[in-house]
């Protein structure tokens, strides 16, 4: 039988893992020239950061661990700031 803490942990772990996977796949899909033109670091930077924190999320499995929280913030910054800029550049 699961304890309530374990259920809450999994309820946080799964969406945060999905968010990091989505951010990494999206960053891999975008062209490097768009990152440079948008002045949002470069593609390699985002791929390394997102991949490291995705791996840490899988290895640590504690969604409130400080490293996982930092990774969540990094993925959130990518999804909220970088991704919309890159999507807008696609139309030009």
Protein backbone atom coordinates (compact mmCIF):
# COMPACT_ATOMS: atom_id res chain seq x y z
CA UNK A 1 0.00 0.00 0.00
CA UNK A 2 1.29 3.44 -0.91
CA UNK A 3 1.62 6.13 1.67
CA UNK A 4 0.16 9.53 0.88
CA UNK A 5 3.67 11.04 0.69
CA UNK A 6 4.65 8.54 -2.00
CA UNK A 7 1.52 9.30 -4.02
CA UNK A 8 2.15 13.03 -3.80
CA UNK A 9 5.76 12.46 -4.79
CA UNK A 10 4.74 10.51 -7.88
CA UNK A 11 2.04 13.07 -8.68
CA UNK A 12 4.80 15.70 -8.78
CA UNK A 13 7.50 13.54 -10.35
CA UNK A 14 5.61 12.46 -13.46
CA UNK A 15 4.49 15.91 -14.72
CA UNK A 16 7.89 17.46 -13.97
CA UNK A 17 9.60 14.63 -15.83
CA UNK A 18 7.24 15.11 -18.78
CA UNK A 19 7.94 18.85 -18.77
CA UNK A 20 11.70 18.26 -18.91
CA UNK A 21 11.41 15.66 -21.65
CA UNK A 22 9.21 17.99 -23.70
CA UNK A 23 11.62 20.92 -23.24
CA UNK A 24 14.61 18.80 -24.29
CA UNK A 25 12.87 17.37 -27.35
CA UNK A 26 11.64 20.83 -28.37
CA UNK A 27 15.14 22.32 -27.98
CA UNK A 28 16.61 19.50 -30.08
CA UNK A 29 14.04 20.17 -32.80
CA UNK A 30 14.82 23.91 -33.14
CA UNK A 31 17.56 25.25 -35.41
CA UNK A 32 20.71 26.61 -33.79
CA UNK A 33 20.56 29.78 -35.88
CA UNK A 34 17.25 30.72 -34.26
CA UNK A 35 18.75 30.54 -30.77
CA UNK A 36 21.61 32.84 -31.79
CA UNK A 37 19.33 35.26 -33.65
CA UNK A 38 16.96 35.44 -30.68
CA UNK A 39 19.93 36.11 -28.34
CA UNK A 40 18.85 33.18 -26.10
CA UNK A 41 22.23 31.46 -25.58
CA UNK A 42 22.77 28.72 -28.15
CA UNK A 43 21.27 25.35 -28.87
CA UNK A 44 24.15 23.38 -27.33
CA UNK A 45 23.80 25.29 -24.05
CA UNK A 46 20.10 24.49 -23.74
CA UNK A 47 20.53 20.86 -24.79
CA UNK A 48 23.27 20.30 -22.20
CA UNK A 49 21.39 22.04 -19.38
CA UNK A 50 18.08 20.30 -20.13
CA UNK A 51 19.72 16.88 -20.62
CA UNK A 52 21.70 17.09 -17.37
CA UNK A 53 18.66 18.02 -15.33
CA UNK A 54 16.51 15.38 -17.03
CA UNK A 55 19.06 12.72 -16.12
CA UNK A 56 19.21 14.04 -12.55
CA UNK A 57 15.41 13.93 -12.35
CA UNK A 58 15.47 10.26 -13.35
CA UNK A 59 18.32 9.37 -10.99
CA UNK A 60 17.23 11.29 -7.89
CA UNK A 61 13.45 10.82 -8.23
CA UNK A 62 12.71 13.27 -5.42
CA UNK A 63 10.74 16.13 -7.03
CA UNK A 64 11.59 18.55 -4.21
CA UNK A 65 15.33 17.89 -4.24
CA UNK A 66 17.22 21.15 -4.83
CA UNK A 67 18.80 19.90 -8.09
CA UNK A 68 15.42 18.83 -9.44
CA UNK A 69 13.94 22.18 -8.49
CA UNK A 70 16.74 23.99 -10.33
CA UNK A 71 16.13 21.76 -13.35
CA UNK A 72 12.44 22.51 -13.20
CA UNK A 73 13.19 26.22 -13.21
CA UNK A 74 15.56 25.79 -16.18
CA UNK A 75 12.94 23.86 -18.15
CA UNK A 76 10.33 26.45 -17.17
CA UNK A 77 12.54 29.29 -18.40
CA UNK A 78 13.06 27.47 -21.68
CA UNK A 79 9.34 26.80 -22.13
CA UNK A 80 8.13 30.23 -20.99
CA UNK A 81 10.80 32.48 -22.51
CA UNK A 82 12.95 30.80 -25.14
CA UNK A 83 10.41 28.55 -26.86
CA UNK A 84 7.85 31.29 -27.63
CA UNK A 85 10.59 33.46 -29.12
CA UNK A 86 11.86 30.61 -31.28
CA UNK A 87 8.33 29.73 -32.40
CA UNK A 88 7.72 33.34 -33.43
CA UNK A 89 10.94 33.39 -35.45
CA UNK A 90 9.82 30.37 -37.45
CA UNK A 91 7.30 32.54 -39.29
CA UNK A 92 10.00 34.85 -40.69
